[in-house]
């Protein structure tokens, strides 16, 4: 007769409970990361560039939505009033791809003081998301153009990703936009804009909209 040795069978219940606990904890953290933050956090991305055109010409160009895709890499297309400078109260919808995120932002002009200041507030999914401010200052025969893009942190996940991924890409794309805007005024032939913002006889001109500018139908 042979003696058989029975090895103890490990209990799987504790391992299963541990797995379910970890899975539940991950689900809770994921859910909490998507909830709105109890405080408002805003981040400013500021770019300054000197453009070879007078303030009125620059103002008319940068506040005309049809021109946005021509110089800012995040702008894909714009719907609404796109063929003239936007005035106070105007609204447009812009398709964007910014820092890897694709969507539609609805802009409303809340300040328009040609040719020196312009500001618009943007909503994504009916929630305040961003703000863009233009400040123009005469600089000799040119213009010192400052673009201040302000974006909000909607949740904890965004707060975590912002300094390591979102923020650096935002700054890089905004800097690229400033460089491309300078090239527009360096290379484009001037053409008199049809502008509602000009209050007197036109004394300056803005670059013509490039043919590559796209507009959503």
N, C-alpha and C. Protein backbone atom coordinates (compact mmCIF):
# COMPACT_ATOMS: atom_id res chain seq x y z
N UNK A 1 0.86 -1.19 0.00
CA UNK A 1 0.00 0.00 0.00
C UNK A 1 0.89 1.24 0.00
N UNK A 2 0.55 2.16 -0.90
CA UNK A 2 1.35 3.38 -0.99
C UNK A 2 0.64 4.52 -0.31
N UNK A 3 1.40 5.28 0.37
CA UNK A 3 0.84 6.46 1.04
C UNK A 3 0.84 7.65 0.07
N UNK A 4 -0.33 8.24 -0.16
CA UNK A 4 -0.44 9.41 -1.04
C UNK A 4 -0.41 10.68 -0.21
N UNK A 5 0.26 11.64 -0.78
CA UNK A 5 0.39 12.92 -0.09
C UNK A 5 -0.50 13.94 -0.78
N UNK A 6 -1.37 14.50 -0.06
CA UNK A 6 -2.27 15.52 -0.60
C UNK A 6 -1.76 16.93 -0.27
N UNK A 7 -1.51 17.68 -1.34
CA UNK A 7 -1.06 19.05 -1.13
C UNK A 7 -2.25 19.95 -0.88
N UNK A 8 -2.09 20.91 -0.01
CA UNK A 8 -3.20 21.84 0.26
C UNK A 8 -3.53 22.69 -0.97
N UNK A 9 -4.79 22.79 -1.26
CA UNK A 9 -5.25 23.61 -2.39
C UNK A 9 -5.42 25.05 -1.91
N UNK A 10 -4.72 25.98 -2.55
CA UNK A 10 -4.83 27.38 -2.10
C UNK A 10 -6.24 27.92 -2.35
N UNK A 11 -6.69 28.67 -1.42
CA UNK A 11 -8.01 29.27 -1.55
C UNK A 11 -7.96 30.44 -2.53
N UNK A 12 -8.92 30.45 -3.46
CA UNK A 12 -8.94 31.50 -4.47
C UNK A 12 -9.82 32.68 -4.05
N UNK A 13 -10.62 32.46 -3.06
CA UNK A 13 -11.55 33.53 -2.65
C UNK A 13 -10.83 34.80 -2.23
N UNK A 14 -9.78 34.73 -1.40
CA UNK A 14 -9.09 35.98 -1.03
C UNK A 14 -8.50 36.71 -2.23
N UNK A 15 -7.95 35.95 -3.21
CA UNK A 15 -7.38 36.58 -4.39
C UNK A 15 -8.47 37.26 -5.21
N UNK A 16 -9.60 36.61 -5.31
CA UNK A 16 -10.71 37.18 -6.07
C UNK A 16 -11.21 38.45 -5.41
N UNK A 17 -11.30 38.40 -4.07
CA UNK A 17 -11.75 39.59 -3.35
C UNK A 17 -10.77 40.73 -3.52
N UNK A 18 -9.47 40.43 -3.50
CA UNK A 18 -8.45 41.47 -3.68
C UNK A 18 -8.54 42.08 -5.08
N UNK A 19 -8.76 41.21 -6.08
CA UNK A 19 -8.88 41.70 -7.45
C UNK A 19 -10.09 42.61 -7.60
N UNK A 20 -11.21 42.20 -7.04
CA UNK A 20 -12.42 43.02 -7.12
C UNK A 20 -12.25 44.34 -6.38
N UNK A 21 -11.50 44.30 -5.27
CA UNK A 21 -11.26 45.53 -4.52
C UNK A 21 -10.43 46.51 -5.35
N UNK A 22 -9.36 46.00 -5.98
CA UNK A 22 -8.51 46.86 -6.81
C UNK A 22 -9.31 47.40 -7.99
N UNK A 23 -10.10 46.53 -8.62
CA UNK A 23 -10.91 46.96 -9.76
C UNK A 23 -11.91 48.04 -9.35
N UNK A 24 -12.52 47.85 -8.18
CA UNK A 24 -13.46 48.85 -7.69
C UNK A 24 -12.78 50.17 -7.37
N UNK A 25 -11.58 50.09 -6.79
CA UNK A 25 -10.84 51.31 -6.46
C UNK A 25 -10.47 52.08 -7.73
N UNK A 26 -10.04 51.35 -8.77
CA UNK A 26 -9.70 52.00 -10.03
C UNK A 26 -10.92 52.67 -10.64
N UNK A 27 -12.07 51.99 -10.57
CA UNK A 27 -13.30 52.56 -11.12
C UNK A 27 -13.70 53.83 -10.37
N UNK A 28 -13.54 53.83 -9.05
CA UNK A 28 -13.89 55.00 -8.25
C UNK A 28 -12.96 56.17 -8.59
N UNK A 29 -11.66 55.88 -8.69
CA UNK A 29 -10.70 56.93 -9.03
C UNK A 29 -10.99 57.51 -10.41
N UNK A 30 -11.31 56.61 -11.37
CA UNK A 30 -11.62 57.07 -12.72
C UNK A 30 -12.85 57.96 -12.72
N UNK A 31 -13.86 57.57 -11.94
CA UNK A 31 -15.08 58.37 -11.87
C UNK A 31 -14.81 59.72 -11.24
N UNK A 32 -14.06 59.72 -10.14
CA UNK A 32 -13.76 60.98 -9.46
C UNK A 32 -12.92 61.91 -10.34
N UNK A 33 -12.04 61.31 -11.16
CA UNK A 33 -11.17 62.14 -12.01
C UNK A 33 -11.95 62.89 -13.07
N UNK A 34 -13.15 62.41 -13.39
CA UNK A 34 -13.96 63.06 -14.42
C UNK A 34 -14.97 64.04 -13.85
N UNK A 35 -15.09 64.09 -12.54
CA UNK A 35 -16.03 65.02 -11.92
C UNK A 35 -15.45 66.44 -11.96
N UNK A 36 -16.31 67.45 -12.05
CA UNK A 36 -15.83 68.84 -12.04
C UNK A 36 -15.08 69.15 -10.76
N UNK A 37 -14.03 69.97 -10.88
CA UNK A 37 -13.27 70.38 -9.70
C UNK A 37 -14.10 71.33 -8.84
N UNK A 38 -13.91 71.28 -7.52
CA UNK A 38 -14.65 72.19 -6.64
C UNK A 38 -14.13 73.62 -6.69
N UNK A 39 -13.05 73.85 -7.45
CA UNK A 39 -12.48 75.19 -7.57
C UNK A 39 -12.18 75.44 -9.06
N UNK A 40 -12.05 76.71 -9.42
CA UNK A 40 -11.76 77.06 -10.81
C UNK A 40 -10.27 77.32 -10.97
N UNK A 41 -9.68 76.66 -11.94
CA UNK A 41 -8.26 76.85 -12.23
C UNK A 41 -8.12 77.27 -13.68
N UNK A 42 -7.44 78.39 -13.90
CA UNK A 42 -7.23 78.91 -15.25
C UNK A 42 -5.74 78.95 -15.56
N UNK A 43 -5.42 78.65 -16.79
CA UNK A 43 -4.04 78.69 -17.25
C UNK A 43 -3.94 79.65 -18.44
N UNK A 44 -2.95 80.54 -18.39
CA UNK A 44 -2.74 81.51 -19.45
C UNK A 44 -1.58 81.07 -20.35
N UNK A 45 -1.81 81.11 -21.64
CA UNK A 45 -0.75 80.88 -22.62
C UNK A 45 -0.61 82.17 -23.42
N UNK A 46 0.48 82.90 -23.19
CA UNK A 46 0.65 84.23 -23.78
C UNK A 46 1.75 84.19 -24.83
N UNK A 47 1.44 84.75 -25.99
CA UNK A 47 2.43 84.88 -27.06
C UNK A 47 2.45 86.31 -27.56
N UNK A 48 3.63 86.84 -27.78
CA UNK A 48 3.80 88.21 -28.26
C UNK A 48 4.65 88.18 -29.52
N UNK A 49 4.20 88.89 -30.55
CA UNK A 49 4.94 88.94 -31.80
C UNK A 49 4.78 90.33 -32.41
N UNK A 50 5.82 90.81 -33.06
CA UNK A 50 5.75 92.09 -33.76
C UNK A 50 5.45 91.84 -35.23
N UNK A 51 4.38 92.45 -35.71
CA UNK A 51 3.91 92.22 -37.07
C UNK A 51 4.16 93.44 -37.95
N UNK A 52 4.45 93.18 -39.20
CA UNK A 52 4.79 94.27 -40.13
C UNK A 52 3.52 94.81 -40.80
N UNK A 53 2.68 95.42 -39.98
CA UNK A 53 1.45 96.05 -40.46
C UNK A 53 0.91 96.93 -39.35
N UNK A 54 0.15 97.97 -39.68
CA UNK A 54 -0.42 98.84 -38.65
C UNK A 54 -1.52 98.12 -37.87
N UNK A 55 -1.84 98.61 -36.66
CA UNK A 55 -2.81 97.93 -35.80
C UNK A 55 -4.15 97.62 -36.46
N UNK A 56 -4.70 98.57 -37.23
CA UNK A 56 -6.02 98.32 -37.83
C UNK A 56 -5.98 97.13 -38.79
N UNK A 57 -4.90 97.02 -39.55
CA UNK A 57 -4.77 95.91 -40.49
C UNK A 57 -4.67 94.58 -39.74
N UNK A 58 -3.87 94.57 -38.67
CA UNK A 58 -3.72 93.36 -37.88
C UNK A 58 -5.04 93.00 -37.21
N UNK A 59 -5.70 93.98 -36.62
CA UNK A 59 -6.97 93.75 -35.93
C UNK A 59 -7.99 93.14 -36.88
N UNK A 60 -8.12 93.73 -38.07
CA UNK A 60 -9.10 93.23 -39.02
C UNK A 60 -8.81 91.79 -39.43
N UNK A 61 -7.53 91.47 -39.58
CA UNK A 61 -7.16 90.12 -40.02
C UNK A 61 -7.41 89.08 -38.93
N UNK A 62 -6.92 89.34 -37.71
CA UNK A 62 -6.99 88.31 -36.68
C UNK A 62 -8.40 88.13 -36.11
N UNK A 63 -9.28 89.11 -36.28
CA UNK A 63 -10.65 88.97 -35.77
C UNK A 63 -11.62 88.52 -36.86
N UNK A 64 -11.11 88.19 -38.04
CA UNK A 64 -11.94 87.62 -39.11
C UNK A 64 -11.79 86.10 -39.07
N UNK A 65 -12.83 85.36 -38.69
CA UNK A 65 -12.71 83.91 -38.47
C UNK A 65 -12.23 83.11 -39.68
N UNK A 66 -12.56 83.57 -40.90
CA UNK A 66 -12.11 82.83 -42.08
C UNK A 66 -10.60 82.72 -42.15
N UNK A 67 -9.89 83.63 -41.48
CA UNK A 67 -8.42 83.62 -41.50
C UNK A 67 -7.81 82.70 -40.44
N UNK A 68 -8.57 82.31 -39.45
CA UNK A 68 -7.98 81.56 -38.33
C UNK A 68 -7.26 80.29 -38.76
N UNK A 69 -7.87 79.43 -39.61
CA UNK A 69 -7.16 78.21 -39.99
C UNK A 69 -5.88 78.47 -40.77
N UNK A 70 -5.74 79.67 -41.33
CA UNK A 70 -4.54 79.99 -42.12
C UNK A 70 -3.31 80.21 -41.25
N UNK A 71 -3.51 80.55 -39.97
CA UNK A 71 -2.33 80.85 -39.15
C UNK A 71 -2.27 80.10 -37.84
N UNK A 72 -3.39 79.59 -37.33
CA UNK A 72 -3.31 78.85 -36.07
C UNK A 72 -3.50 77.36 -36.32
N UNK A 73 -2.55 76.53 -35.90
CA UNK A 73 -2.61 75.10 -36.21
C UNK A 73 -3.78 74.37 -35.57
N UNK A 74 -4.36 74.92 -34.51
CA UNK A 74 -5.47 74.24 -33.84
C UNK A 74 -6.80 74.47 -34.54
N UNK A 75 -6.89 75.49 -35.36
CA UNK A 75 -8.16 75.84 -36.01
C UNK A 75 -8.31 75.07 -37.32
N UNK A 76 -9.41 74.30 -37.42
CA UNK A 76 -9.65 73.50 -38.61
C UNK A 76 -10.67 74.14 -39.55
N UNK A 77 -11.74 74.69 -38.99
CA UNK A 77 -12.80 75.31 -39.80
C UNK A 77 -13.68 76.14 -38.87
N UNK A 78 -14.40 77.09 -39.44
CA UNK A 78 -15.26 77.96 -38.64
C UNK A 78 -16.60 78.11 -39.35
N UNK A 79 -17.68 78.07 -38.57
CA UNK A 79 -19.02 78.28 -39.08
C UNK A 79 -19.61 79.55 -38.49
N UNK A 80 -20.45 80.22 -39.27
CA UNK A 80 -21.09 81.44 -38.80
C UNK A 80 -20.64 82.61 -39.64
N UNK A 81 -20.58 83.78 -39.01
CA UNK A 81 -20.09 84.97 -39.70
C UNK A 81 -18.57 84.91 -39.75
N UNK A 82 -18.04 84.58 -40.91
CA UNK A 82 -16.60 84.33 -41.00
C UNK A 82 -15.86 85.29 -41.92
N UNK A 83 -16.58 86.13 -42.68
CA UNK A 83 -15.93 86.92 -43.73
C UNK A 83 -15.66 88.36 -43.35
N UNK A 84 -15.77 88.69 -42.08
CA UNK A 84 -15.50 90.06 -41.62
C UNK A 84 -15.03 90.01 -40.17
N UNK A 85 -14.44 91.09 -39.67
CA UNK A 85 -14.06 91.14 -38.26
C UNK A 85 -15.30 91.00 -37.36
N UNK A 86 -15.18 90.17 -36.35
CA UNK A 86 -16.29 89.96 -35.43
C UNK A 86 -16.45 91.17 -34.50
N UNK A 87 -17.69 91.56 -34.29
CA UNK A 87 -18.00 92.69 -33.41
C UNK A 87 -18.65 92.17 -32.14
N UNK A 88 -18.87 93.07 -31.20
CA UNK A 88 -19.43 92.71 -29.90
C UNK A 88 -20.75 91.95 -30.08
N UNK A 89 -20.84 90.79 -29.43
CA UNK A 89 -22.05 89.98 -29.49
C UNK A 89 -22.06 88.92 -30.58
N UNK A 90 -21.14 88.99 -31.53
CA UNK A 90 -21.08 87.98 -32.59
C UNK A 90 -20.72 86.61 -32.02
N UNK A 91 -21.23 85.56 -32.67
CA UNK A 91 -20.95 84.20 -32.25
C UNK A 91 -20.56 83.35 -33.46
N UNK A 92 -19.59 82.48 -33.26
CA UNK A 92 -19.19 81.53 -34.30
C UNK A 92 -18.86 80.19 -33.63
N UNK A 93 -18.87 79.13 -34.44
CA UNK A 93 -18.50 77.80 -33.97
C UNK A 93 -17.23 77.37 -34.70
N UNK A 94 -16.23 76.99 -33.93
CA UNK A 94 -14.93 76.63 -34.51
C UNK A 94 -14.62 75.16 -34.24
N UNK A 95 -14.27 74.45 -35.30
CA UNK A 95 -13.79 73.08 -35.15
C UNK A 95 -12.29 73.15 -34.86
N UNK A 96 -11.86 72.45 -33.82
CA UNK A 96 -10.45 72.55 -33.42
C UNK A 96 -9.86 71.18 -33.14
N UNK A 97 -8.56 71.14 -33.20
CA UNK A 97 -7.78 70.00 -32.71
C UNK A 97 -6.61 70.61 -31.94
N UNK A 98 -6.72 70.58 -30.63
CA UNK A 98 -5.76 71.27 -29.77
C UNK A 98 -5.21 70.31 -28.73
N UNK A 99 -3.90 70.16 -28.70
CA UNK A 99 -3.24 69.27 -27.75
C UNK A 99 -3.81 67.86 -27.84
N UNK A 100 -4.09 67.42 -29.06
CA UNK A 100 -4.61 66.08 -29.27
C UNK A 100 -6.10 65.93 -29.07
N UNK A 101 -6.77 66.98 -28.69
CA UNK A 101 -8.21 66.93 -28.44
C UNK A 101 -8.96 67.55 -29.61
N UNK A 102 -9.97 66.85 -30.09
CA UNK A 102 -10.77 67.33 -31.22
C UNK A 102 -12.18 67.67 -30.74
N UNK A 103 -12.72 68.79 -31.22
CA UNK A 103 -14.07 69.17 -30.81
C UNK A 103 -14.54 70.43 -31.48
N UNK A 104 -15.66 70.95 -30.97
CA UNK A 104 -16.26 72.19 -31.45
C UNK A 104 -16.35 73.16 -30.28
N UNK A 105 -15.85 74.37 -30.47
CA UNK A 105 -15.96 75.39 -29.43
C UNK A 105 -16.79 76.55 -29.98
N UNK A 106 -17.71 77.02 -29.18
CA UNK A 106 -18.59 78.12 -29.57
C UNK A 106 -18.07 79.41 -28.94
N UNK A 107 -17.66 80.34 -29.78
CA UNK A 107 -17.10 81.61 -29.33
C UNK A 107 -18.15 82.71 -29.36
N UNK A 108 -18.09 83.58 -28.36
CA UNK A 108 -18.93 84.79 -28.34
C UNK A 108 -18.04 85.98 -28.00
N UNK A 109 -18.11 87.01 -28.83
CA UNK A 109 -17.28 88.20 -28.61
C UNK A 109 -17.87 89.02 -27.46
N UNK A 110 -17.05 89.25 -26.44
CA UNK A 110 -17.50 90.00 -25.26
C UNK A 110 -16.81 91.36 -25.15
N UNK A 111 -15.82 91.60 -26.00
CA UNK A 111 -15.15 92.90 -26.02
C UNK A 111 -14.58 93.14 -27.42
N UNK A 112 -14.86 94.30 -27.98
CA UNK A 112 -14.32 94.65 -29.29
C UNK A 112 -14.04 96.15 -29.31
N UNK A 113 -12.76 96.49 -29.22
CA UNK A 113 -12.33 97.89 -29.22
C UNK A 113 -11.27 98.09 -30.29
N UNK A 114 -11.71 98.13 -31.55
CA UNK A 114 -10.73 98.26 -32.64
C UNK A 114 -10.01 99.59 -32.60
N UNK A 115 -8.74 99.60 -32.89
CA UNK A 115 -7.92 98.46 -33.31
C UNK A 115 -7.00 97.94 -32.20
N UNK A 116 -7.38 98.10 -30.94
CA UNK A 116 -6.44 97.84 -29.85
C UNK A 116 -6.76 96.65 -28.97
N UNK A 117 -8.01 96.21 -28.90
CA UNK A 117 -8.34 95.12 -27.99
C UNK A 117 -9.54 94.33 -28.50
N UNK A 118 -9.51 93.03 -28.24
CA UNK A 118 -10.60 92.14 -28.65
C UNK A 118 -10.58 90.92 -27.74
N UNK A 119 -11.77 90.46 -27.36
CA UNK A 119 -11.83 89.31 -26.45
C UNK A 119 -13.08 88.49 -26.74
N UNK A 120 -12.92 87.18 -26.68
CA UNK A 120 -14.04 86.26 -26.90
C UNK A 120 -13.99 85.14 -25.87
N UNK A 121 -15.16 84.68 -25.47
CA UNK A 121 -15.27 83.57 -24.52
C UNK A 121 -15.82 82.36 -25.25
N UNK A 122 -15.28 81.18 -24.90
CA UNK A 122 -15.67 79.96 -25.60
C UNK A 122 -16.28 78.92 -24.69
N UNK A 123 -17.24 78.17 -25.23
CA UNK A 123 -17.89 77.08 -24.52
C UNK A 123 -17.76 75.78 -25.32
N UNK A 124 -17.50 74.70 -24.60
CA UNK A 124 -17.50 73.36 -25.18
C UNK A 124 -18.54 72.55 -24.44
N UNK A 125 -19.46 71.96 -25.18
CA UNK A 125 -20.57 71.22 -24.57
C UNK A 125 -21.33 72.07 -23.55
N UNK A 126 -21.50 73.34 -23.92
CA UNK A 126 -22.26 74.31 -23.12
C UNK A 126 -21.62 74.62 -21.77
N UNK A 127 -20.34 74.35 -21.65
CA UNK A 127 -19.62 74.68 -20.42
C UNK A 127 -18.49 75.66 -20.75
N UNK A 128 -18.30 76.70 -19.92
CA UNK A 128 -17.19 77.63 -20.15
C UNK A 128 -15.87 76.86 -20.23
N UNK A 129 -15.13 77.09 -21.29
CA UNK A 129 -13.94 76.29 -21.53
C UNK A 129 -12.68 77.13 -21.73
N UNK A 130 -12.82 78.26 -22.45
CA UNK A 130 -11.63 79.02 -22.81
C UNK A 130 -11.98 80.47 -23.07
N UNK A 131 -10.94 81.26 -23.18
CA UNK A 131 -11.08 82.68 -23.50
C UNK A 131 -9.85 83.09 -24.29
N UNK A 132 -10.04 83.95 -25.27
CA UNK A 132 -8.91 84.45 -26.04
C UNK A 132 -8.95 85.97 -26.05
N UNK A 133 -7.79 86.58 -25.80
CA UNK A 133 -7.69 88.04 -25.72
C UNK A 133 -6.59 88.52 -26.66
N UNK A 134 -6.92 89.51 -27.46
CA UNK A 134 -5.94 90.13 -28.34
C UNK A 134 -5.68 91.56 -27.86
N UNK A 135 -4.43 91.91 -27.71
CA UNK A 135 -4.03 93.28 -27.35
C UNK A 135 -3.04 93.76 -28.40
N UNK A 136 -3.36 94.88 -29.03
CA UNK A 136 -2.52 95.41 -30.10
C UNK A 136 -1.97 96.78 -29.71
N UNK A 137 -0.68 96.97 -29.92
CA UNK A 137 -0.01 98.22 -29.57
C UNK A 137 0.83 98.69 -30.75
N UNK A 138 0.69 99.96 -31.16
CA UNK A 138 1.53 100.46 -32.25
C UNK A 138 3.01 100.32 -31.90
N UNK A 139 3.80 99.89 -32.87
CA UNK A 139 5.23 99.71 -32.67
C UNK A 139 5.94 100.18 -33.94
N UNK A 140 6.25 101.49 -33.98
CA UNK A 140 6.82 102.06 -35.19
C UNK A 140 5.81 101.98 -36.31
N UNK A 141 6.20 101.40 -37.42
CA UNK A 141 5.28 101.20 -38.53
C UNK A 141 4.55 99.87 -38.45
N UNK A 142 4.83 99.12 -37.39
CA UNK A 142 4.21 97.81 -37.21
C UNK A 142 3.32 97.76 -35.99
N UNK A 143 3.09 96.54 -35.51
CA UNK A 143 2.18 96.32 -34.39
C UNK A 143 2.74 95.25 -33.46
N UNK A 144 2.72 95.56 -32.18
CA UNK A 144 3.02 94.54 -31.17
C UNK A 144 1.70 93.82 -30.88
N UNK A 145 1.64 92.54 -31.22
CA UNK A 145 0.42 91.75 -31.06
C UNK A 145 0.60 90.74 -29.93
N UNK A 146 -0.30 90.82 -28.95
CA UNK A 146 -0.26 89.88 -27.83
C UNK A 146 -1.53 89.03 -27.85
N UNK A 147 -1.33 87.74 -27.85
CA UNK A 147 -2.45 86.79 -27.78
C UNK A 147 -2.39 86.06 -26.45
N UNK A 148 -3.44 86.19 -25.68
CA UNK A 148 -3.54 85.54 -24.37
C UNK A 148 -4.67 84.51 -24.45
N UNK A 149 -4.29 83.24 -24.49
CA UNK A 149 -5.28 82.16 -24.52
C UNK A 149 -5.43 81.61 -23.11
N UNK A 150 -6.63 81.63 -22.60
CA UNK A 150 -6.91 81.19 -21.24
C UNK A 150 -7.79 79.95 -21.30
N UNK A 151 -7.32 78.85 -20.72
CA UNK A 151 -8.16 77.65 -20.70
C UNK A 151 -8.39 77.19 -19.27
N UNK A 152 -9.55 76.58 -19.07
CA UNK A 152 -9.96 76.14 -17.75
C UNK A 152 -9.68 74.66 -17.56
N UNK A 153 -9.46 74.27 -16.31
CA UNK A 153 -9.24 72.87 -15.95
C UNK A 153 -10.57 72.28 -15.52
N UNK A 154 -11.18 71.40 -16.34
CA UNK A 154 -12.54 70.94 -16.02
C UNK A 154 -12.62 69.86 -14.96
N UNK A 155 -11.57 69.03 -14.82
CA UNK A 155 -11.66 67.92 -13.88
C UNK A 155 -10.27 67.51 -13.39
N UNK A 156 -10.26 66.52 -12.48
CA UNK A 156 -9.00 66.09 -11.87
C UNK A 156 -8.07 65.45 -12.89
N UNK A 157 -8.63 64.68 -13.81
CA UNK A 157 -7.80 64.04 -14.83
C UNK A 157 -7.06 65.08 -15.66
N UNK A 158 -7.77 66.13 -16.06
CA UNK A 158 -7.14 67.21 -16.82
C UNK A 158 -6.08 67.90 -15.98
N UNK A 159 -6.35 68.06 -14.69
CA UNK A 159 -5.40 68.71 -13.79
C UNK A 159 -4.09 67.92 -13.72
N UNK A 160 -4.21 66.58 -13.74
CA UNK A 160 -3.03 65.73 -13.67
C UNK A 160 -2.25 65.75 -14.98
N UNK A 161 -2.99 65.72 -16.10
CA UNK A 161 -2.33 65.65 -17.41
C UNK A 161 -1.80 66.99 -17.89
N UNK A 162 -2.33 68.08 -17.34
CA UNK A 162 -1.98 69.41 -17.85
C UNK A 162 -0.48 69.70 -17.84
N UNK A 163 0.21 69.54 -16.71
CA UNK A 163 1.63 69.93 -16.70
C UNK A 163 2.54 68.99 -17.49
N UNK A 164 2.11 67.75 -17.74
CA UNK A 164 3.00 66.79 -18.39
C UNK A 164 2.65 66.57 -19.86
N UNK A 165 1.44 66.94 -20.27
CA UNK A 165 1.04 66.67 -21.65
C UNK A 165 0.30 67.83 -22.30
N UNK A 166 -0.81 68.23 -21.69
CA UNK A 166 -1.67 69.25 -22.31
C UNK A 166 -0.97 70.60 -22.39
N UNK A 167 -0.45 71.07 -21.26
CA UNK A 167 0.18 72.39 -21.21
C UNK A 167 1.31 72.57 -22.21
N UNK A 168 2.30 71.65 -22.23
CA UNK A 168 3.39 71.81 -23.19
C UNK A 168 2.92 71.85 -24.65
N UNK A 169 1.93 71.05 -24.99
CA UNK A 169 1.43 71.05 -26.37
C UNK A 169 0.67 72.33 -26.67
N UNK A 170 -0.09 72.82 -25.69
CA UNK A 170 -0.79 74.10 -25.86
C UNK A 170 0.21 75.21 -26.17
N UNK A 171 1.28 75.28 -25.38
CA UNK A 171 2.27 76.34 -25.57
C UNK A 171 2.99 76.20 -26.91
N UNK A 172 3.30 74.96 -27.29
CA UNK A 172 4.00 74.75 -28.56
C UNK A 172 3.12 75.15 -29.74
N UNK A 173 1.85 74.79 -29.70
CA UNK A 173 0.95 75.11 -30.81
C UNK A 173 0.66 76.61 -30.87
N UNK A 174 0.55 77.25 -29.71
CA UNK A 174 0.33 78.69 -29.70
C UNK A 174 1.54 79.44 -30.24
N UNK A 175 2.74 78.98 -29.89
CA UNK A 175 3.96 79.60 -30.41
C UNK A 175 4.05 79.41 -31.92
N UNK A 176 3.66 78.24 -32.39
CA UNK A 176 3.65 78.00 -33.83
C UNK A 176 2.68 78.93 -34.53
N UNK A 177 1.51 79.15 -33.91
CA UNK A 177 0.53 80.07 -34.48
C UNK A 177 1.08 81.49 -34.59
N UNK A 178 1.80 81.93 -33.57
CA UNK A 178 2.39 83.28 -33.60
C UNK A 178 3.41 83.41 -34.73
N UNK A 179 4.20 82.37 -34.92
CA UNK A 179 5.20 82.40 -36.01
C UNK A 179 4.53 82.42 -37.38
N UNK A 180 3.47 81.63 -37.51
CA UNK A 180 2.77 81.58 -38.79
C UNK A 180 2.04 82.89 -39.08
N UNK A 181 1.54 83.54 -38.03
CA UNK A 181 0.89 84.84 -38.22
C UNK A 181 1.90 85.87 -38.71
N UNK A 182 3.10 85.83 -38.15
CA UNK A 182 4.14 86.76 -38.60
C UNK A 182 4.48 86.52 -40.07
N UNK A 183 4.50 85.25 -40.49
CA UNK A 183 4.79 84.94 -41.89
C UNK A 183 3.71 85.47 -42.82
N UNK A 184 2.45 85.44 -42.34
CA UNK A 184 1.35 85.95 -43.16
C UNK A 184 1.59 87.41 -43.52
N UNK A 185 1.99 88.20 -42.51
CA UNK A 185 2.21 89.63 -42.75
C UNK A 185 3.54 89.91 -43.43
N UNK A 186 4.46 88.95 -43.37
CA UNK A 186 5.74 89.12 -44.06
C UNK A 186 5.62 88.82 -45.55
N UNK A 187 4.72 87.90 -45.91
CA UNK A 187 4.69 87.40 -47.29
C UNK A 187 3.43 87.75 -48.07
N UNK A 188 2.31 88.03 -47.37
CA UNK A 188 1.05 88.25 -48.08
C UNK A 188 0.98 89.66 -48.65
N UNK A 189 0.43 89.76 -49.84
CA UNK A 189 0.20 91.07 -50.44
C UNK A 189 -0.98 91.71 -49.75
N UNK A 190 -0.90 93.01 -49.42
CA UNK A 190 -2.00 93.65 -48.73
C UNK A 190 -3.22 93.82 -49.62
N UNK A 191 -4.40 93.73 -48.97
CA UNK A 191 -5.66 93.98 -49.67
C UNK A 191 -6.60 94.65 -48.71
N UNK A 192 -7.36 95.61 -49.17
CA UNK A 192 -8.25 96.37 -48.29
C UNK A 192 -9.37 95.48 -47.79
N UNK A 193 -9.53 95.30 -46.46
CA UNK A 193 -10.58 94.45 -45.94
C UNK A 193 -11.91 95.16 -45.93
N UNK A 194 -12.97 94.34 -46.01
CA UNK A 194 -14.32 94.88 -45.82
C UNK A 194 -14.63 94.77 -44.36
N UNK A 195 -14.45 95.83 -43.61
CA UNK A 195 -14.47 95.75 -42.15
C UNK A 195 -15.51 96.66 -41.56
N UNK A 196 -16.33 96.06 -40.63
CA UNK A 196 -17.30 96.86 -39.90
C UNK A 196 -16.64 97.60 -38.77
N UNK A 197 -15.36 97.23 -38.47
CA UNK A 197 -14.68 97.84 -37.33
C UNK A 197 -14.03 99.16 -37.70
N UNK A 198 -13.84 99.44 -38.99
CA UNK A 198 -13.18 100.67 -39.40
C UNK A 198 -14.16 101.82 -39.34
N UNK A 199 -13.86 102.81 -38.56
CA UNK A 199 -14.80 103.90 -38.33
C UNK A 199 -14.57 105.10 -39.23
N UNK A 200 -13.45 105.15 -39.92
CA UNK A 200 -13.15 106.28 -40.79
C UNK A 200 -12.56 105.79 -42.08
N UNK A 201 -12.06 106.71 -42.91
CA UNK A 201 -11.43 106.30 -44.16
C UNK A 201 -10.27 105.36 -43.89
N UNK A 202 -10.18 104.31 -44.69
CA UNK A 202 -9.15 103.30 -44.46
C UNK A 202 -7.78 103.88 -44.71
N UNK A 203 -6.91 103.70 -43.71
CA UNK A 203 -5.54 104.18 -43.87
C UNK A 203 -4.56 103.03 -43.81
N UNK A 204 -5.08 101.78 -43.62
CA UNK A 204 -4.21 100.63 -43.54
C UNK A 204 -4.89 99.46 -44.22
N UNK A 205 -4.11 98.46 -44.52
CA UNK A 205 -4.64 97.29 -45.20
C UNK A 205 -4.20 96.04 -44.49
N UNK A 206 -4.95 94.93 -44.71
CA UNK A 206 -4.64 93.65 -44.11
C UNK A 206 -4.36 92.65 -45.21
N UNK A 207 -3.61 91.58 -44.90
CA UNK A 207 -3.34 90.56 -45.91
C UNK A 207 -4.63 89.94 -46.39
N UNK A 208 -4.65 89.56 -47.64
CA UNK A 208 -5.82 88.87 -48.17
C UNK A 208 -5.89 87.49 -47.58
N UNK A 209 -7.09 86.96 -47.43
CA UNK A 209 -7.27 85.61 -46.90
C UNK A 209 -6.64 84.62 -47.86
N UNK A 210 -5.74 83.74 -47.38
CA UNK A 210 -5.09 82.78 -48.26
C UNK A 210 -6.12 81.84 -48.86
N UNK A 211 -5.85 81.32 -50.03
CA UNK A 211 -6.80 80.44 -50.71
C UNK A 211 -6.96 79.13 -49.99
N UNK A 212 -5.99 78.81 -49.14
CA UNK A 212 -6.06 77.54 -48.43
C UNK A 212 -6.99 77.58 -47.25
N UNK A 213 -7.53 78.74 -46.91
CA UNK A 213 -8.42 78.84 -45.76
C UNK A 213 -9.64 77.98 -46.00
N UNK A 214 -9.98 77.15 -45.01
CA UNK A 214 -11.13 76.27 -45.14
C UNK A 214 -12.24 76.74 -44.25
N UNK A 215 -13.47 76.47 -44.69
CA UNK A 215 -14.64 76.87 -43.91
C UNK A 215 -15.63 75.74 -43.91
N UNK A 216 -16.12 75.39 -42.73
CA UNK A 216 -17.10 74.31 -42.63
C UNK A 216 -18.39 74.72 -43.29
N UNK A 217 -19.01 73.75 -44.00
CA UNK A 217 -20.28 74.03 -44.65
C UNK A 217 -21.44 73.62 -43.76
